Amino acid sequence: MKYLISDLQSTKLIYLKGFLFFLILLLSSFLILNTYPSLKIFFLLILVIWSSARSYYFMFYVIEKYTDKNYKFSGIYAFLVYLMRQRIKK
């Protein structure tokens, strides 16, 4: 059971995980556009995908590299806890 919750170490599995996330992105986008075919939905999907990537970059790279070099984020929940603690400090 410990193996299931430990950090992923295998380079091949890391690439597989990235590929599977990309596959989920493509299939989900295709299914949404197939269900609601319109340019409006297409552009909204593009915005959601782009803003999600930028938010992730902000949470896990910008904050860590430029704002608080001592803190390492482990996920979105950890980032939200970090923000709440920063607000309490002020």
PDB file of N, CA and C in Angstrom:
ATOM      1  N   MET A   1       0.821  -1.201   0.000  1.00  0.00           N
ATOM      2  CA  MET A   1       0.000   0.000   0.000  1.00  0.00           C
ATOM      3  C   MET A   1       0.858   1.256   0.000  1.00  0.00           C
ATOM      4  N   LYS A   2       2.003   1.199   0.639  1.00  0.00           N
ATOM      5  CA  LYS A   2       2.872   2.368   0.695  1.00  0.00           C
ATOM      6  C   LYS A   2       3.306   2.807  -0.701  1.00  0.00           C
ATOM      7  N   TYR A   3       3.508   1.858  -1.611  1.00  0.00           N
ATOM      8  CA  TYR A   3       3.918   2.188  -2.973  1.00  0.00           C
ATOM      9  C   TYR A   3       2.899   3.081  -3.664  1.00  0.00           C
ATOM     10  N   LEU A   4       1.624   2.882  -3.372  1.00  0.00           N
ATOM     11  CA  LEU A   4       0.573   3.659  -4.031  1.00  0.00           C
ATOM     12  C   LEU A   4       0.567   5.123  -3.623  1.00  0.00           C
ATOM     13  N   ILE A   5       1.080   5.441  -2.446  1.00  0.00           N
ATOM     14  CA  ILE A   5       1.032   6.826  -1.997  1.00  0.00           C
ATOM     15  C   ILE A   5       2.402   7.499  -1.968  1.00  0.00           C
ATOM     16  N   SER A   6       3.428   6.805  -2.418  1.00  0.00           N
ATOM     17  CA  SER A   6       4.756   7.425  -2.447  1.00  0.00           C
ATOM     18  C   SER A   6       4.912   8.262  -3.716  1.00  0.00           C
ATOM     19  N   ASP A   7       5.943   9.093  -3.742  1.00  0.00           N
ATOM     20  CA  ASP A   7       6.207   9.924  -4.914  1.00  0.00           C
ATOM     21  C   ASP A   7       6.575   9.058  -6.114  1.00  0.00           C
ATOM     22  N   LEU A   8       6.129   9.498  -7.265  1.00  0.00           N
ATOM     23  CA  LEU A   8       6.424   8.794  -8.501  1.00  0.00           C
ATOM     24  C   LEU A   8       7.885   9.027  -8.867  1.00  0.00           C
ATOM     25  N   GLN A   9       8.656   7.961  -9.030  1.00  0.00           N
ATOM     26  CA  GLN A   9      10.085   8.051  -9.292  1.00  0.00           C
ATOM     27  C   GLN A   9      10.471   7.674 -10.717  1.00  0.00           C
ATOM     28  N   SER A  10       9.683   6.836 -11.342  1.00  0.00           N
ATOM     29  CA  SER A  10      10.013   6.305 -12.659  1.00  0.00           C
ATOM     30  C   SER A  10       9.777   7.351 -13.754  1.00  0.00           C
ATOM     31  N   THR A  11      10.815   7.600 -14.544  1.00  0.00           N
ATOM     32  CA  THR A  11      10.689   8.566 -15.648  1.00  0.00           C
ATOM     33  C   THR A  11       9.632   8.114 -16.649  1.00  0.00           C
ATOM     34  N   LYS A  12       9.605   6.825 -16.943  1.00  0.00           N
ATOM     35  CA  LYS A  12       8.613   6.307 -17.897  1.00  0.00           C
ATOM     36  C   LYS A  12       7.192   6.499 -17.379  1.00  0.00           C
ATOM     37  N   LEU A  13       6.988   6.252 -16.093  1.00  0.00           N
ATOM     38  CA  LEU A  13       5.650   6.437 -15.533  1.00  0.00           C
ATOM     39  C   LEU A  13       5.251   7.910 -15.469  1.00  0.00           C
ATOM     40  N   ILE A  14       6.213   8.773 -15.242  1.00  0.00           N
ATOM     41  CA  ILE A  14       5.930  10.211 -15.246  1.00  0.00           C
ATOM     42  C   ILE A  14       5.480  10.657 -16.632  1.00  0.00           C
ATOM     43  N   TYR A  15       6.183  10.195 -17.678  1.00  0.00           N
ATOM     44  CA  TYR A  15       5.763  10.519 -19.043  1.00  0.00           C
ATOM     45  C   TYR A  15       4.407   9.906 -19.371  1.00  0.00           C
ATOM     46  N   LEU A  16       4.170   8.677 -18.906  1.00  0.00           N
ATOM     47  CA  LEU A  16       2.876   8.039 -19.128  1.00  0.00           C
ATOM     48  C   LEU A  16       1.763   8.850 -18.459  1.00  0.00           C
ATOM     49  N   LYS A  17       2.011   9.305 -17.245  1.00  0.00           N
ATOM     50  CA  LYS A  17       1.028  10.120 -16.529  1.00  0.00           C
ATOM     51  C   LYS A  17       0.726  11.404 -17.302  1.00  0.00           C
ATOM     52  N   GLY A  18       1.765  12.072 -17.788  1.00  0.00           N
ATOM     53  CA  GLY A  18       1.570  13.278 -18.592  1.00  0.00           C
ATOM     54  C   GLY A  18       0.776  12.999 -19.855  1.00  0.00           C
ATOM     55  N   PHE A  19       1.097  11.894 -20.522  1.00  0.00           N
ATOM     56  CA  PHE A  19       0.372  11.510 -21.738  1.00  0.00           C
ATOM     57  C   PHE A  19      -1.093  11.228 -21.427  1.00  0.00           C
ATOM     58  N   LEU A  20      -1.355  10.549 -20.318  1.00  0.00           N
ATOM     59  CA  LEU A  20      -2.736  10.247 -19.951  1.00  0.00           C
ATOM     60  C   LEU A  20      -3.527  11.516 -19.632  1.00  0.00           C
ATOM     61  N   PHE A  21      -2.884  12.486 -18.969  1.00  0.00           N
ATOM     62  CA  PHE A  21      -3.555  13.770 -18.737  1.00  0.00           C
ATOM     63  C   PHE A  21      -3.890  14.451 -20.060  1.00  0.00           C
ATOM     64  N   PHE A  22      -2.961  14.412 -21.004  1.00  0.00           N
ATOM     65  CA  PHE A  22      -3.188  15.016 -22.314  1.00  0.00           C
ATOM     66  C   PHE A  22      -4.313  14.285 -23.048  1.00  0.00           C
ATOM     67  N   LEU A  23      -4.348  12.967 -22.919  1.00  0.00           N
ATOM     68  CA  LEU A  23      -5.407  12.177 -23.541  1.00  0.00           C
ATOM     69  C   LEU A  23      -6.770  12.532 -22.946  1.00  0.00           C
ATOM     70  N   ILE A  24      -6.826  12.704 -21.639  1.00  0.00           N
ATOM     71  CA  ILE A  24      -8.075  13.130 -20.986  1.00  0.00           C
ATOM     72  C   ILE A  24      -8.504  14.489 -21.527  1.00  0.00           C
ATOM     73  N   LEU A  25      -7.553  15.405 -21.673  1.00  0.00           N
ATOM     74  CA  LEU A  25      -7.838  16.731 -22.216  1.00  0.00           C
ATOM     75  C   LEU A  25      -8.444  16.632 -23.615  1.00  0.00           C
ATOM     76  N   LEU A  26      -7.804  15.862 -24.479  1.00  0.00           N
ATOM     77  CA  LEU A  26      -8.296  15.732 -25.855  1.00  0.00           C
ATOM     78  C   LEU A  26      -9.668  15.075 -25.919  1.00  0.00           C
ATOM     79  N   LEU A  27      -9.837  13.971 -25.203  1.00  0.00           N
ATOM     80  CA  LEU A  27     -11.120  13.260 -25.251  1.00  0.00           C
ATOM     81  C   LEU A  27     -12.254  14.091 -24.653  1.00  0.00           C
ATOM     82  N   SER A  28     -11.984  14.747 -23.541  1.00  0.00           N
ATOM     83  CA  SER A  28     -13.010  15.587 -22.923  1.00  0.00           C
ATOM     84  C   SER A  28     -13.399  16.743 -23.835  1.00  0.00           C
ATOM     85  N   SER A  29     -12.401  17.380 -24.432  1.00  0.00           N
ATOM     86  CA  SER A  29     -12.681  18.493 -25.351  1.00  0.00           C
ATOM     87  C   SER A  29     -13.487  18.010 -26.544  1.00  0.00           C
ATOM     88  N   PHE A  30     -13.103  16.859 -27.091  1.00  0.00           N
ATOM     89  CA  PHE A  30     -13.840  16.297 -28.229  1.00  0.00           C
ATOM     90  C   PHE A  30     -15.284  16.004 -27.853  1.00  0.00           C
ATOM     91  N   LEU A  31     -15.491  15.403 -26.687  1.00  0.00           N
ATOM     92  CA  LEU A  31     -16.858  15.064 -26.270  1.00  0.00           C
ATOM     93  C   LEU A  31     -17.701  16.311 -26.019  1.00  0.00           C
ATOM     94  N   ILE A  32     -17.111  17.325 -25.442  1.00  0.00           N
ATOM     95  CA  ILE A  32     -17.857  18.577 -25.222  1.00  0.00           C
ATOM     96  C   ILE A  32     -18.220  19.213 -26.555  1.00  0.00           C
ATOM     97  N   LEU A  33     -17.236  19.289 -27.466  1.00  0.00           N
ATOM     98  CA  LEU A  33     -17.517  19.909 -28.768  1.00  0.00           C
ATOM     99  C   LEU A  33     -18.465  19.063 -29.606  1.00  0.00           C
ATOM    100  N   ASN A  34     -18.432  17.759 -29.417  1.00  0.00           N
ATOM    101  CA  ASN A  34     -19.345  16.886 -30.145  1.00  0.00           C
ATOM    102  C   ASN A  34     -20.773  17.040 -29.617  1.00  0.00           C
ATOM    103  N   THR A  35     -20.905  17.301 -28.321  1.00  0.00           N
ATOM    104  CA  THR A  35     -22.219  17.482 -27.713  1.00  0.00           C
ATOM    105  C   THR A  35     -22.791  18.872 -27.990  1.00  0.00           C
ATOM    106  N   TYR A  36     -21.930  19.891 -27.929  1.00  0.00           N
ATOM    107  CA  TYR A  36     -22.335  21.285 -28.147  1.00  0.00           C
ATOM    108  C   TYR A  36     -21.441  21.916 -29.217  1.00  0.00           C
ATOM    109  N   PRO A  37     -21.661  21.559 -30.471  1.00  0.00           N
ATOM    110  CA  PRO A  37     -20.772  22.079 -31.526  1.00  0.00           C
ATOM    111  C   PRO A  37     -21.035  23.555 -31.846  1.00  0.00           C
ATOM    112  N   SER A  38     -20.145  24.410 -31.365  1.00  0.00           N
ATOM    113  CA  SER A  38     -20.243  25.827 -31.702  1.00  0.00           C
ATOM    114  C   SER A  38     -18.882  26.479 -31.488  1.00  0.00           C
ATOM    115  N   LEU A  39     -18.676  27.583 -32.180  1.00  0.00           N
ATOM    116  CA  LEU A  39     -17.428  28.321 -32.007  1.00  0.00           C
ATOM    117  C   LEU A  39     -17.311  28.900 -30.604  1.00  0.00           C
ATOM    118  N   LYS A  40     -18.435  29.294 -30.045  1.00  0.00           N
ATOM    119  CA  LYS A  40     -18.437  29.848 -28.687  1.00  0.00           C
ATOM    120  C   LYS A  40     -17.886  28.818 -27.691  1.00  0.00           C
ATOM    121  N   ILE A  41     -18.378  27.607 -27.753  1.00  0.00           N
ATOM    122  CA  ILE A  41     -17.914  26.543 -26.859  1.00  0.00           C
ATOM    123  C   ILE A  41     -16.446  26.234 -27.123  1.00  0.00           C
ATOM    124  N   PHE A  42     -16.046  26.226 -28.387  1.00  0.00           N
ATOM    125  CA  PHE A  42     -14.650  25.980 -28.740  1.00  0.00           C
ATOM    126  C   PHE A  42     -13.734  27.021 -28.092  1.00  0.00           C
ATOM    127  N   PHE A  43     -14.078  28.295 -28.218  1.00  0.00           N
ATOM    128  CA  PHE A  43     -13.246  29.349 -27.641  1.00  0.00           C
ATOM    129  C   PHE A  43     -13.280  29.338 -26.106  1.00  0.00           C
ATOM    130  N   LEU A  44     -14.423  28.999 -25.532  1.00  0.00           N
ATOM    131  CA  LEU A  44     -14.490  28.873 -24.078  1.00  0.00           C
ATOM    132  C   LEU A  44     -13.602  27.726 -23.584  1.00  0.00           C
ATOM    133  N   LEU A  45     -13.588  26.626 -24.324  1.00  0.00           N
ATOM    134  CA  LEU A  45     -12.699  25.520 -23.973  1.00  0.00           C
ATOM    135  C   LEU A  45     -11.237  25.935 -24.046  1.00  0.00           C
ATOM    136  N   ILE A  46     -10.885  26.665 -25.094  1.00  0.00           N
ATOM    137  CA  ILE A  46      -9.510  27.153 -25.237  1.00  0.00           C
ATOM    138  C   ILE A  46      -9.139  28.026 -24.038  1.00  0.00           C
ATOM    139  N   LEU A  47     -10.057  28.907 -23.632  1.00  0.00           N
ATOM    140  CA  LEU A  47      -9.800  29.772 -22.474  1.00  0.00           C
ATOM    141  C   LEU A  47      -9.642  28.980 -21.181  1.00  0.00           C
ATOM    142  N   VAL A  48     -10.483  27.978 -21.000  1.00  0.00           N
ATOM    143  CA  VAL A  48     -10.398  27.148 -19.791  1.00  0.00           C
ATOM    144  C   VAL A  48      -9.065  26.396 -19.753  1.00  0.00           C
ATOM    145  N   ILE A  49      -8.680  25.824 -20.873  1.00  0.00           N
ATOM    146  CA  ILE A  49      -7.421  25.076 -20.938  1.00  0.00           C
ATOM    147  C   ILE A  49      -6.240  26.008 -20.691  1.00  0.00           C
ATOM    148  N   TRP A  50      -6.226  27.140 -21.350  1.00  0.00           N
ATOM    149  CA  TRP A  50      -5.115  28.092 -21.205  1.00  0.00           C
ATOM    150  C   TRP A  50      -5.030  28.632 -19.782  1.00  0.00           C
ATOM    151  N   SER A  51      -6.174  29.051 -19.230  1.00  0.00           N
ATOM    152  CA  SER A  51      -6.150  29.634 -17.886  1.00  0.00           C
ATOM    153  C   SER A  51      -5.824  28.586 -16.823  1.00  0.00           C
ATOM    154  N   SER A  52      -6.223  27.353 -17.024  1.00  0.00           N
ATOM    155  CA  SER A  52      -5.859  26.285 -16.092  1.00  0.00           C
ATOM    156  C   SER A  52      -4.348  26.073 -16.080  1.00  0.00           C
ATOM    157  N   ALA A  53      -3.761  26.051 -17.254  1.00  0.00           N
ATOM    158  CA  ALA A  53      -2.300  25.875 -17.344  1.00  0.00           C
ATOM    159  C   ALA A  53      -1.569  27.044 -16.697  1.00  0.00           C
ATOM    160  N   ARG A  54      -2.033  28.258 -16.936  1.00  0.00           N
ATOM    161  CA  ARG A  54      -1.389  29.438 -16.344  1.00  0.00           C
ATOM    162  C   ARG A  54      -1.574  29.474 -14.831  1.00  0.00           C
ATOM    163  N   SER A  55      -2.739  29.071 -14.336  1.00  0.00           N
ATOM    164  CA  SER A  55      -2.975  29.015 -12.893  1.00  0.00           C
ATOM    165  C   SER A  55      -2.035  27.999 -12.240  1.00  0.00           C
ATOM    166  N   TYR A  56      -1.897  26.855 -12.858  1.00  0.00           N
ATOM    167  CA  TYR A  56      -0.999  25.819 -12.342  1.00  0.00           C
ATOM    168  C   TYR A  56       0.439  26.340 -12.315  1.00  0.00           C
ATOM    169  N   TYR A  57       0.848  26.979 -13.395  1.00  0.00           N
ATOM    170  CA  TYR A  57       2.191  27.562 -13.471  1.00  0.00           C
ATOM    171  C   TYR A  57       2.393  28.584 -12.360  1.00  0.00           C
ATOM    172  N   PHE A  58       1.399  29.422 -12.142  1.00  0.00           N
ATOM    173  CA  PHE A  58       1.479  30.436 -11.099  1.00  0.00           C
ATOM    174  C   PHE A  58       1.606  29.797  -9.722  1.00  0.00           C
ATOM    175  N   MET A  59       0.736  28.812  -9.431  1.00  0.00           N
ATOM    176  CA  MET A  59       0.722  28.191  -8.106  1.00  0.00           C
ATOM    177  C   MET A  59       2.001  27.427  -7.799  1.00  0.00           C
ATOM    178  N   PHE A  60       2.542  26.737  -8.779  1.00  0.00           N
ATOM    179  CA  PHE A  60       3.626  25.813  -8.484  1.00  0.00           C
ATOM    180  C   PHE A  60       4.984  26.248  -9.015  1.00  0.00           C
ATOM    181  N   TYR A  61       5.056  27.340  -9.712  1.00  0.00           N
ATOM    182  CA  TYR A  61       6.367  27.809 -10.171  1.00  0.00           C
ATOM    183  C   TYR A  61       6.625  29.245  -9.732  1.00  0.00           C
ATOM    184  N   VAL A  62       5.742  30.141 -10.089  1.00  0.00           N
ATOM    185  CA  VAL A  62       5.954  31.565  -9.793  1.00  0.00           C
ATOM    186  C   VAL A  62       6.049  31.809  -8.294  1.00  0.00           C
ATOM    187  N   ILE A  63       5.098  31.287  -7.524  1.00  0.00           N
ATOM    188  CA  ILE A  63       5.124  31.504  -6.075  1.00  0.00           C
ATOM    189  C   ILE A  63       6.394  30.913  -5.483  1.00  0.00           C
ATOM    190  N   GLU A  64       6.703  29.684  -5.879  1.00  0.00           N
ATOM    191  CA  GLU A  64       7.866  28.988  -5.320  1.00  0.00           C
ATOM    192  C   GLU A  64       9.192  29.632  -5.708  1.00  0.00           C
ATOM    193  N   LYS A  65       9.302  30.134  -6.919  1.00  0.00           N
ATOM    194  CA  LYS A  65      10.575  30.676  -7.400  1.00  0.00           C
ATOM    195  C   LYS A  65      10.759  32.162  -7.122  1.00  0.00           C
ATOM    196  N   TYR A  66       9.675  32.924  -7.081  1.00  0.00           N
ATOM    197  CA  TYR A  66       9.805  34.380  -6.993  1.00  0.00           C
ATOM    198  C   TYR A  66       9.233  34.994  -5.721  1.00  0.00           C
ATOM    199  N   THR A  67       8.251  34.342  -5.086  1.00  0.00           N
ATOM    200  CA  THR A  67       7.603  34.947  -3.935  1.00  0.00           C
ATOM    201  C   THR A  67       8.100  34.377  -2.612  1.00  0.00           C
ATOM    202  N   ASP A  68       8.105  33.059  -2.510  1.00  0.00           N
ATOM    203  CA  ASP A  68       8.507  32.406  -1.261  1.00  0.00           C
ATOM    204  C   ASP A  68       9.358  31.189  -1.597  1.00  0.00           C
ATOM    205  N   LYS A  69      10.645  31.386  -1.664  1.00  0.00           N
ATOM    206  CA  LYS A  69      11.567  30.326  -2.088  1.00  0.00           C
ATOM    207  C   LYS A  69      11.670  29.182  -1.077  1.00  0.00           C
ATOM    208  N   ASN A  70      11.199  29.388   0.142  1.00  0.00           N
ATOM    209  CA  ASN A  70      11.294  28.358   1.178  1.00  0.00           C
ATOM    210  C   ASN A  70      10.125  27.384   1.175  1.00  0.00           C
ATOM    211  N   TYR A  71       9.060  27.698   0.456  1.00  0.00           N
ATOM    212  CA  TYR A  71       7.873  26.864   0.498  1.00  0.00           C
ATOM    213  C   TYR A  71       7.770  26.008  -0.752  1.00  0.00           C
ATOM    214  N   LYS A  72       7.484  24.723  -0.569  1.00  0.00           N
ATOM    215  CA  LYS A  72       7.299  23.794  -1.682  1.00  0.00           C
ATOM    216  C   LYS A  72       5.853  23.315  -1.652  1.00  0.00           C
ATOM    217  N   PHE A  73       5.129  23.548  -2.717  1.00  0.00           N
ATOM    218  CA  PHE A  73       3.721  23.170  -2.779  1.00  0.00           C
ATOM    219  C   PHE A  73       3.573  21.721  -3.228  1.00  0.00           C
ATOM    220  N   SER A  74       2.648  21.027  -2.596  1.00  0.00           N
ATOM    221  CA  SER A  74       2.418  19.632  -2.951  1.00  0.00           C
ATOM    222  C   SER A  74       1.097  19.436  -3.686  1.00  0.00           C
ATOM    223  N   GLY A  75       0.318  20.476  -3.823  1.00  0.00           N
ATOM    224  CA  GLY A  75      -0.957  20.359  -4.515  1.00  0.00           C
ATOM    225  C   GLY A  75      -1.771  21.625  -4.354  1.00  0.00           C
ATOM    226  N   ILE A  76      -2.914  21.648  -4.980  1.00  0.00           N
ATOM    227  CA  ILE A  76      -3.767  22.836  -4.944  1.00  0.00           C
ATOM    228  C   ILE A  76      -4.247  23.105  -3.518  1.00  0.00           C
ATOM    229  N   TYR A  77      -4.585  22.062  -2.774  1.00  0.00           N
ATOM    230  CA  TYR A  77      -5.015  22.256  -1.391  1.00  0.00           C
ATOM    231  C   TYR A  77      -3.904  22.914  -0.571  1.00  0.00           C
ATOM    232  N   ALA A  78      -2.667  22.445  -0.745  1.00  0.00           N
ATOM    233  CA  ALA A  78      -1.532  23.038  -0.024  1.00  0.00           C
ATOM    234  C   ALA A  78      -1.365  24.508  -0.392  1.00  0.00           C
ATOM    235  N   PHE A  79      -1.594  24.845  -1.646  1.00  0.00           N
ATOM    236  CA  PHE A  79      -1.500  26.236  -2.077  1.00  0.00           C
ATOM    237  C   PHE A  79      -2.578  27.085  -1.414  1.00  0.00           C
ATOM    238  N   LEU A  80      -3.800  26.571  -1.338  1.00  0.00           N
ATOM    239  CA  LEU A  80      -4.890  27.315  -0.705  1.00  0.00           C
ATOM    240  C   LEU A  80      -4.627  27.517   0.792  1.00  0.00           C
ATOM    241  N   VAL A  81      -4.094  26.488   1.460  1.00  0.00           N
ATOM    242  CA  VAL A  81      -3.723  26.622   2.871  1.00  0.00           C
ATOM    243  C   VAL A  81      -2.634  27.681   3.016  1.00  0.00           C
ATOM    244  N   TYR A  82      -1.660  27.666   2.118  1.00  0.00           N
ATOM    245  CA  TYR A  82      -0.589  28.665   2.130  1.00  0.00           C
ATOM    246  C   TYR A  82      -1.155  30.073   2.000  1.00  0.00           C
ATOM    247  N   LEU A  83      -2.093  30.266   1.080  1.00  0.00           N
ATOM    248  CA  LEU A  83      -2.701  31.593   0.899  1.00  0.00           C
ATOM    249  C   LEU A  83      -3.432  32.037   2.152  1.00  0.00           C
ATOM    250  N   MET A  84      -4.169  31.122   2.769  1.00  0.00           N
ATOM    251  CA  MET A  84      -4.900  31.473   3.986  1.00  0.00           C
ATOM    252  C   MET A  84      -3.929  31.859   5.106  1.00  0.00           C
ATOM    253  N   ARG A  85      -2.838  31.143   5.223  1.00  0.00           N
ATOM    254  CA  ARG A  85      -1.853  31.468   6.258  1.00  0.00           C
ATOM    255  C   ARG A  85      -1.192  32.818   5.980  1.00  0.00           C
ATOM    256  N   GLN A  86      -0.973  33.120   4.726  1.00  0.00           N
ATOM    257  CA  GLN A  86      -0.375  34.418   4.364  1.00  0.00           C
ATOM    258  C   GLN A  86      -1.319  35.557   4.745  1.00  0.00           C
ATOM    259  N   ARG A  87      -2.616  35.349   4.552  1.00  0.00           N
ATOM    260  CA  ARG A  87      -3.610  36.370   4.901  1.00  0.00           C
ATOM    261  C   ARG A  87      -3.666  36.587   6.394  1.00  0.00           C
ATOM    262  N   ILE A  88      -3.546  35.489   7.160  1.00  0.00           N
ATOM    263  CA  ILE A  88      -3.590  35.582   8.624  1.00  0.00           C
ATOM    264  C   ILE A  88      -2.361  36.338   9.147  1.00  0.00           C
ATOM    265  N   LYS A  89      -1.204  36.150   8.528  1.00  0.00           N
ATOM    266  CA  LYS A  89       0.019  36.809   8.948  1.00  0.00           C
ATOM    267  C   LYS A  89      -0.073  38.328   8.805  1.00  0.00           C
ATOM    268  N   LYS A  90      -0.836  38.815   7.835  1.00  0.00           N
ATOM    269  CA  LYS A  90      -0.910  40.255   7.548  1.00  0.00           C
ATOM    270  C   LYS A  90      -1.814  40.947   8.469  1.00  0.00           C
TER     271      LYS A  90
END
